[in-house]
Every structure is written in C-alpha cells, then in structure tokens.
Amino acid sequence: MTWLMRTLAAVGIVLALVIVIVFVVGRLGTSGDPTQALALAVGNRTINVAGHFKDMTQETIADGIKIVVDDHEVVVSSDQLSVDGKTQVLEPGKDVMLYVGKNGGLQVKVMRESGEAPEGASN
C-alpha cells in the first residue's frame, strides 16, 4: 500500500508543477501591450491599419477614404496617398500598410501587389 500512496503523491506533485508552469507561461505570454489590426478595402486597394493605436475613424470621400488614426490624417484615393499633408502617387494594384508604434509614430508602407516587400515611406 505504501507504493500506491507514494505513486499518488508523485502524480499529485507532477500535476501541481504542470499547473504552475502553464500559469507562468500564460502570464509571460500576455505581458506585452495589445495591438489591433483592421483591413479596409478601397476599390482594388487594401489598406491595413495595425499597431498600438487608441483612436481611429474612417470617412468615405468622393474618390477614396480618409482615415484619422491617433491625430494622423491619411487620405487614400484612387491614385494618391496623403499622410499628414504629404502626398505620394500610388500605382494601380498597390496596397497600403499603416502601423502605429507604441510612441504614437506612424509608419506608412506601400506594398506590391503580392504583398511581399514594402516600397514604403515612413512618417
């Protein structure tokens, strides 16, 4: 009978250790600030907004979309990209990636059709 009690005690200790390890790993895995992601379609173009933004609004305009994300104004039309008043020409089929960093800075990248390598500008 003592070997049965020792086996049950060993199984209990192992189970307790597994629960503690799962708890610790779970807490470490969620320690970073949460990020958000949103995809918007404008004609044949996809606009991805991601990162650590607190406030985002979107408004449809005559030939595109106006996005205000944490006090940065981005306007994407059929052939142009305007970020905080700076304009860039967009070629057909190019997608736009907006990433807001922890410090509130906005990075803008223009992606090729396949979504591979960015050509981008950052702000």
N, C-alpha and C. Protein backbone atom coordinates (compact mmCIF):
# COMPACT_ATOMS: atom_id res chain seq x y z
N MET A 1 0.80 -1.20 0.00
CA MET A 1 0.00 0.00 0.00
C MET A 1 0.84 1.27 0.00
N THR A 2 2.04 1.19 0.58
CA THR A 2 2.88 2.39 0.61
C THR A 2 3.33 2.80 -0.79
N TRP A 3 3.56 1.83 -1.67
CA TRP A 3 3.96 2.19 -3.04
C TRP A 3 2.81 2.90 -3.76
N LEU A 4 1.56 2.56 -3.46
CA LEU A 4 0.40 3.22 -4.05
C LEU A 4 0.30 4.66 -3.56
N MET A 5 0.54 4.89 -2.29
CA MET A 5 0.49 6.24 -1.73
C MET A 5 1.63 7.10 -2.27
N ARG A 6 2.80 6.49 -2.41
CA ARG A 6 3.93 7.24 -2.97
C ARG A 6 3.66 7.60 -4.43
N THR A 7 3.08 6.69 -5.18
CA THR A 7 2.76 6.96 -6.58
C THR A 7 1.73 8.07 -6.70
N LEU A 8 0.69 8.03 -5.87
CA LEU A 8 -0.32 9.09 -5.90
C LEU A 8 0.27 10.44 -5.49
N ALA A 9 1.16 10.45 -4.52
CA ALA A 9 1.81 11.69 -4.10
C ALA A 9 2.68 12.24 -5.23
N ALA A 10 3.41 11.36 -5.91
CA ALA A 10 4.26 11.79 -7.03
C ALA A 10 3.40 12.35 -8.17
N VAL A 11 2.29 11.69 -8.49
CA VAL A 11 1.40 12.18 -9.54
C VAL A 11 0.82 13.55 -9.16
N GLY A 12 0.46 13.71 -7.88
CA GLY A 12 -0.06 14.99 -7.40
C GLY A 12 0.96 16.11 -7.51
N ILE A 13 2.21 15.80 -7.17
CA ILE A 13 3.28 16.81 -7.28
C ILE A 13 3.52 17.18 -8.74
N VAL A 14 3.56 16.19 -9.63
CA VAL A 14 3.76 16.47 -11.06
C VAL A 14 2.61 17.30 -11.60
N LEU A 15 1.38 16.97 -11.24
CA LEU A 15 0.22 17.73 -11.69
C LEU A 15 0.28 19.17 -11.20
N ALA A 16 0.67 19.37 -9.95
CA ALA A 16 0.80 20.72 -9.41
C ALA A 16 1.88 21.51 -10.16
N LEU A 17 3.00 20.88 -10.47
CA LEU A 17 4.07 21.54 -11.22
C LEU A 17 3.60 21.91 -12.63
N VAL A 18 2.86 21.03 -13.28
CA VAL A 18 2.35 21.33 -14.62
C VAL A 18 1.41 22.52 -14.57
N ILE A 19 0.54 22.58 -13.58
CA ILE A 19 -0.39 23.71 -13.44
C ILE A 19 0.39 25.01 -13.21
N VAL A 20 1.40 24.98 -12.37
CA VAL A 20 2.21 26.17 -12.12
C VAL A 20 2.93 26.61 -13.38
N ILE A 21 3.50 25.69 -14.13
CA ILE A 21 4.22 26.02 -15.37
C ILE A 21 3.27 26.62 -16.40
N VAL A 22 2.10 26.04 -16.56
CA VAL A 22 1.11 26.59 -17.51
C VAL A 22 0.69 27.99 -17.10
N PHE A 23 0.48 28.22 -15.82
CA PHE A 23 0.11 29.54 -15.33
C PHE A 23 1.20 30.57 -15.59
N VAL A 24 2.45 30.22 -15.30
CA VAL A 24 3.58 31.14 -15.50
C VAL A 24 3.76 31.46 -16.98
N VAL A 25 3.70 30.46 -17.84
CA VAL A 25 3.85 30.69 -19.28
C VAL A 25 2.70 31.55 -19.80
N GLY A 26 1.50 31.32 -19.30
CA GLY A 26 0.36 32.14 -19.71
C GLY A 26 0.51 33.59 -19.32
N ARG A 27 1.02 33.85 -18.14
CA ARG A 27 1.23 35.22 -17.69
C ARG A 27 2.35 35.91 -18.47
N LEU A 28 3.40 35.20 -18.79
CA LEU A 28 4.51 35.79 -19.55
C LEU A 28 4.10 36.06 -20.99
N GLY A 29 3.26 35.23 -21.55
CA GLY A 29 2.85 35.39 -22.94
C GLY A 29 1.96 36.58 -23.18
N THR A 30 1.27 37.08 -22.17
CA THR A 30 0.37 38.21 -22.33
C THR A 30 0.88 39.47 -21.68
N SER A 31 2.17 39.57 -21.42
CA SER A 31 2.68 40.72 -20.71
C SER A 31 2.86 41.95 -21.60
N GLY A 32 2.89 41.81 -22.92
CA GLY A 32 3.07 42.94 -23.82
C GLY A 32 1.79 43.73 -24.02
N ASP A 33 1.94 44.96 -24.52
CA ASP A 33 0.77 45.77 -24.82
C ASP A 33 0.02 45.16 -25.99
N PRO A 34 -1.29 45.20 -25.95
CA PRO A 34 -2.06 44.62 -27.05
C PRO A 34 -1.98 45.49 -28.30
N THR A 35 -2.06 44.85 -29.44
CA THR A 35 -2.10 45.57 -30.70
C THR A 35 -3.44 45.29 -31.37
N GLN A 36 -3.77 46.13 -32.33
CA GLN A 36 -5.01 45.99 -33.07
C GLN A 36 -4.68 45.92 -34.55
N ALA A 37 -5.59 45.35 -35.32
CA ALA A 37 -5.41 45.30 -36.77
C ALA A 37 -6.76 45.42 -37.43
N LEU A 38 -6.78 46.13 -38.57
CA LEU A 38 -8.01 46.37 -39.30
C LEU A 38 -7.67 46.46 -40.78
N ALA A 39 -8.47 45.84 -41.63
CA ALA A 39 -8.25 45.90 -43.07
C ALA A 39 -9.44 46.60 -43.72
N LEU A 40 -9.15 47.58 -44.58
CA LEU A 40 -10.19 48.32 -45.28
C LEU A 40 -9.97 48.17 -46.77
N ALA A 41 -11.03 48.03 -47.52
CA ALA A 41 -10.93 47.91 -48.98
C ALA A 41 -11.40 49.21 -49.62
N VAL A 42 -10.57 49.73 -50.51
CA VAL A 42 -10.90 50.93 -51.28
C VAL A 42 -10.65 50.60 -52.74
N GLY A 43 -11.71 50.33 -53.48
CA GLY A 43 -11.57 49.90 -54.87
C GLY A 43 -10.81 48.60 -54.93
N ASN A 44 -9.70 48.57 -55.69
CA ASN A 44 -8.86 47.38 -55.79
C ASN A 44 -7.72 47.38 -54.77
N ARG A 45 -7.75 48.32 -53.89
CA ARG A 45 -6.66 48.53 -52.93
C ARG A 45 -7.09 48.10 -51.54
N THR A 46 -6.18 47.51 -50.76
CA THR A 46 -6.43 47.17 -49.37
C THR A 46 -5.57 48.06 -48.49
N ILE A 47 -6.19 48.62 -47.47
CA ILE A 47 -5.48 49.46 -46.51
C ILE A 47 -5.51 48.73 -45.17
N ASN A 48 -4.34 48.39 -44.66
CA ASN A 48 -4.23 47.71 -43.37
C ASN A 48 -3.78 48.72 -42.33
N VAL A 49 -4.53 48.81 -41.23
CA VAL A 49 -4.17 49.68 -40.12
C VAL A 49 -3.88 48.76 -38.94
N ALA A 50 -2.69 48.87 -38.38
CA ALA A 50 -2.30 47.98 -37.29
C ALA A 50 -1.45 48.73 -36.28
N GLY A 51 -1.27 48.12 -35.12
CA GLY A 51 -0.37 48.67 -34.13
C GLY A 51 -1.05 49.01 -32.83
N HIS A 52 -0.49 50.01 -32.17
CA HIS A 52 -0.90 50.39 -30.82
C HIS A 52 -1.71 51.68 -30.84
N PHE A 53 -2.69 51.77 -31.70
CA PHE A 53 -3.48 53.00 -31.78
C PHE A 53 -4.63 52.97 -30.78
N LYS A 54 -4.98 54.16 -30.30
CA LYS A 54 -6.06 54.28 -29.33
C LYS A 54 -7.35 54.71 -29.99
N ASP A 55 -7.25 55.55 -31.02
CA ASP A 55 -8.44 56.12 -31.65
C ASP A 55 -8.28 56.09 -33.16
N MET A 56 -9.31 55.61 -33.85
CA MET A 56 -9.27 55.59 -35.31
C MET A 56 -10.67 55.85 -35.84
N THR A 57 -10.74 56.75 -36.82
CA THR A 57 -12.00 57.00 -37.51
C THR A 57 -11.75 56.91 -39.00
N GLN A 58 -12.80 56.53 -39.73
CA GLN A 58 -12.69 56.47 -41.18
C GLN A 58 -13.90 57.18 -41.78
N GLU A 59 -13.67 57.80 -42.93
CA GLU A 59 -14.73 58.53 -43.60
C GLU A 59 -14.57 58.32 -45.10
N THR A 60 -15.64 57.95 -45.75
CA THR A 60 -15.60 57.77 -47.20
C THR A 60 -15.69 59.14 -47.86
N ILE A 61 -14.78 59.40 -48.79
CA ILE A 61 -14.80 60.65 -49.55
C ILE A 61 -15.09 60.31 -51.00
N ALA A 62 -15.16 61.32 -51.85
CA ALA A 62 -15.60 61.14 -53.24
C ALA A 62 -14.85 60.04 -53.99
N ASP A 63 -13.52 60.00 -53.89
CA ASP A 63 -12.78 59.01 -54.67
C ASP A 63 -11.86 58.15 -53.81
N GLY A 64 -12.18 57.98 -52.53
CA GLY A 64 -11.33 57.16 -51.68
C GLY A 64 -11.81 57.13 -50.26
N ILE A 65 -10.85 57.20 -49.34
CA ILE A 65 -11.18 57.11 -47.91
C ILE A 65 -10.23 58.01 -47.13
N LYS A 66 -10.77 58.61 -46.06
CA LYS A 66 -9.98 59.43 -45.16
C LYS A 66 -9.94 58.70 -43.81
N ILE A 67 -8.73 58.45 -43.30
CA ILE A 67 -8.54 57.74 -42.04
C ILE A 67 -7.79 58.68 -41.09
N VAL A 68 -8.33 58.84 -39.90
CA VAL A 68 -7.64 59.60 -38.85
C VAL A 68 -7.33 58.61 -37.74
N VAL A 69 -6.03 58.36 -37.53
CA VAL A 69 -5.59 57.41 -36.51
C VAL A 69 -4.61 58.12 -35.58
N ASP A 70 -5.02 58.27 -34.31
CA ASP A 70 -4.21 58.96 -33.29
C ASP A 70 -3.62 60.27 -33.81
N ASP A 71 -4.47 61.15 -34.29
CA ASP A 71 -4.12 62.50 -34.77
C ASP A 71 -3.28 62.52 -36.04
N HIS A 72 -3.14 61.42 -36.74
CA HIS A 72 -2.51 61.39 -38.05
C HIS A 72 -3.61 61.25 -39.09
N GLU A 73 -3.59 62.13 -40.09
CA GLU A 73 -4.61 62.09 -41.14
C GLU A 73 -4.04 61.44 -42.40
N VAL A 74 -4.69 60.37 -42.85
CA VAL A 74 -4.27 59.64 -44.04
C VAL A 74 -5.44 59.64 -45.01
N VAL A 75 -5.18 60.09 -46.25
CA VAL A 75 -6.20 60.07 -47.29
C VAL A 75 -5.68 59.21 -48.44
N VAL A 76 -6.46 58.18 -48.78
CA VAL A 76 -6.11 57.30 -49.88
C VAL A 76 -7.19 57.43 -50.94
N SER A 77 -6.78 57.88 -52.12
CA SER A 77 -7.71 57.97 -53.23
C SER A 77 -7.29 56.95 -54.29
N SER A 78 -7.92 57.03 -55.45
CA SER A 78 -7.63 56.04 -56.48
C SER A 78 -6.18 56.08 -56.96
N ASP A 79 -5.53 57.24 -56.91
CA ASP A 79 -4.16 57.33 -57.42
C ASP A 79 -3.19 58.07 -56.51
N GLN A 80 -3.61 58.43 -55.27
CA GLN A 80 -2.74 59.18 -54.38
C GLN A 80 -2.85 58.69 -52.94
N LEU A 81 -1.78 58.95 -52.22
CA LEU A 81 -1.73 58.71 -50.78
C LEU A 81 -1.25 60.00 -50.14
N SER A 82 -2.01 60.51 -49.17
CA SER A 82 -1.62 61.72 -48.47
C SER A 82 -1.55 61.40 -46.99
N VAL A 83 -0.37 61.63 -46.39
CA VAL A 83 -0.16 61.38 -44.97
C VAL A 83 0.24 62.69 -44.31
N ASP A 84 -0.61 63.20 -43.44
CA ASP A 84 -0.38 64.47 -42.74
C ASP A 84 0.03 65.58 -43.70
N GLY A 85 -0.63 65.64 -44.85
CA GLY A 85 -0.39 66.69 -45.83
C GLY A 85 0.69 66.39 -46.86
N LYS A 86 1.44 65.33 -46.71
CA LYS A 86 2.47 64.94 -47.67
C LYS A 86 1.86 63.95 -48.66
N THR A 87 1.92 64.28 -49.95
CA THR A 87 1.25 63.48 -50.97
C THR A 87 2.25 62.61 -51.73
N GLN A 88 1.80 61.43 -52.08
CA GLN A 88 2.60 60.46 -52.84
C GLN A 88 1.68 59.82 -53.88
N VAL A 89 2.20 59.61 -55.08
CA VAL A 89 1.41 58.96 -56.14
C VAL A 89 1.42 57.46 -55.92
N LEU A 90 0.25 56.84 -56.06
CA LEU A 90 0.13 55.39 -55.93
C LEU A 90 -0.12 54.77 -57.29
N GLU A 91 0.62 53.73 -57.58
CA GLU A 91 0.39 52.98 -58.81
C GLU A 91 -0.78 52.02 -58.60
N PRO A 92 -1.47 51.65 -59.67
CA PRO A 92 -2.59 50.72 -59.53
C PRO A 92 -2.13 49.38 -58.94
N GLY A 93 -2.97 48.79 -58.10
CA GLY A 93 -2.68 47.49 -57.53
C GLY A 93 -1.79 47.51 -56.30
N LYS A 94 -1.37 48.68 -55.83
CA LYS A 94 -0.51 48.76 -54.65
C LYS A 94 -1.38 48.91 -53.40
N ASP A 95 -1.06 48.15 -52.37
CA ASP A 95 -1.77 48.21 -51.10
C ASP A 95 -1.00 49.08 -50.12
N VAL A 96 -1.68 49.57 -49.08
CA VAL A 96 -1.08 50.48 -48.12
C VAL A 96 -1.14 49.86 -46.73
N MET A 97 -0.02 49.90 -46.01
CA MET A 97 0.07 49.40 -44.64
C MET A 97 0.38 50.57 -43.72
N LEU A 98 -0.49 50.82 -42.72
CA LEU A 98 -0.28 51.86 -41.73
C LEU A 98 0.00 51.17 -40.39
N TYR A 99 1.11 51.50 -39.76
CA TYR A 99 1.45 50.89 -38.47
C TYR A 99 1.72 52.00 -37.46
N VAL A 100 1.01 51.96 -36.34
CA VAL A 100 1.19 52.94 -35.28
C VAL A 100 2.04 52.29 -34.19
N GLY A 101 3.19 52.88 -33.92
CA GLY A 101 4.10 52.35 -32.89
C GLY A 101 3.64 52.71 -31.49
N LYS A 102 4.34 52.17 -30.49
CA LYS A 102 4.00 52.43 -29.09
C LYS A 102 4.12 53.91 -28.74
N ASN A 103 5.06 54.59 -29.39
CA ASN A 103 5.27 56.01 -29.11
C ASN A 103 4.32 56.92 -29.87
N GLY A 104 3.42 56.36 -30.70
CA GLY A 104 2.45 57.16 -31.44
C GLY A 104 2.91 57.51 -32.85
N GLY A 105 4.13 57.13 -33.22
CA GLY A 105 4.63 57.41 -34.56
C GLY A 105 3.93 56.54 -35.59
N LEU A 106 3.72 57.07 -36.77
CA LEU A 106 3.02 56.36 -37.84
C LEU A 106 4.02 55.97 -38.92
N GLN A 107 4.04 54.68 -39.26
CA GLN A 107 4.85 54.18 -40.37
C GLN A 107 3.89 53.82 -41.50
N VAL A 108 4.20 54.29 -42.70
CA VAL A 108 3.37 54.02 -43.86
C VAL A 108 4.21 53.27 -44.87
N LYS A 109 3.70 52.13 -45.33
CA LYS A 109 4.40 51.33 -46.33
C LYS A 109 3.46 51.03 -47.48
N VAL A 110 3.97 51.19 -48.68
CA VAL A 110 3.22 50.84 -49.88
C VAL A 110 3.72 49.47 -50.32
N MET A 111 2.80 48.52 -50.38
CA MET A 111 3.14 47.14 -50.67
C MET A 111 2.90 46.83 -52.15
N ARG A 112 3.70 45.94 -52.68
CA ARG A 112 3.48 45.46 -54.04
C ARG A 112 2.22 44.63 -54.10
N GLU A 113 1.78 44.30 -55.29
CA GLU A 113 0.54 43.56 -55.48
C GLU A 113 0.50 42.27 -54.69
N SER A 114 1.59 41.52 -54.66
CA SER A 114 1.60 40.24 -53.97
C SER A 114 1.75 40.40 -52.46
N GLY A 115 1.96 41.63 -51.97
CA GLY A 115 2.10 41.86 -50.55
C GLY A 115 3.48 41.49 -50.03
N GLU A 116 4.46 41.34 -50.91
CA GLU A 116 5.78 40.88 -50.49
C GLU A 116 6.58 41.99 -49.82
N ALA A 117 7.40 42.65 -50.57
CA ALA A 117 8.33 43.62 -49.98
C ALA A 117 7.75 45.03 -50.05
N PRO A 118 7.89 45.79 -48.99
CA PRO A 118 7.38 47.17 -48.99
C PRO A 118 8.30 48.08 -49.77
N GLU A 119 7.70 49.13 -50.35
CA GLU A 119 8.49 50.17 -51.02
C GLU A 119 8.64 51.37 -50.14
N GLY A 120 7.96 51.46 -49.10
CA GLY A 120 7.45 52.46 -48.27
C GLY A 120 8.15 53.68 -47.83
N ALA A 121 7.31 54.56 -47.45
CA ALA A 121 7.71 55.79 -46.79
C ALA A 121 7.33 55.63 -45.34
N SER A 122 8.01 56.33 -44.47
CA SER A 122 7.58 56.29 -43.09
C SER A 122 7.44 57.72 -42.60
N ASN A 123 6.65 57.88 -41.58
CA ASN A 123 6.37 59.21 -41.06
C ASN A 123 6.46 59.21 -39.58
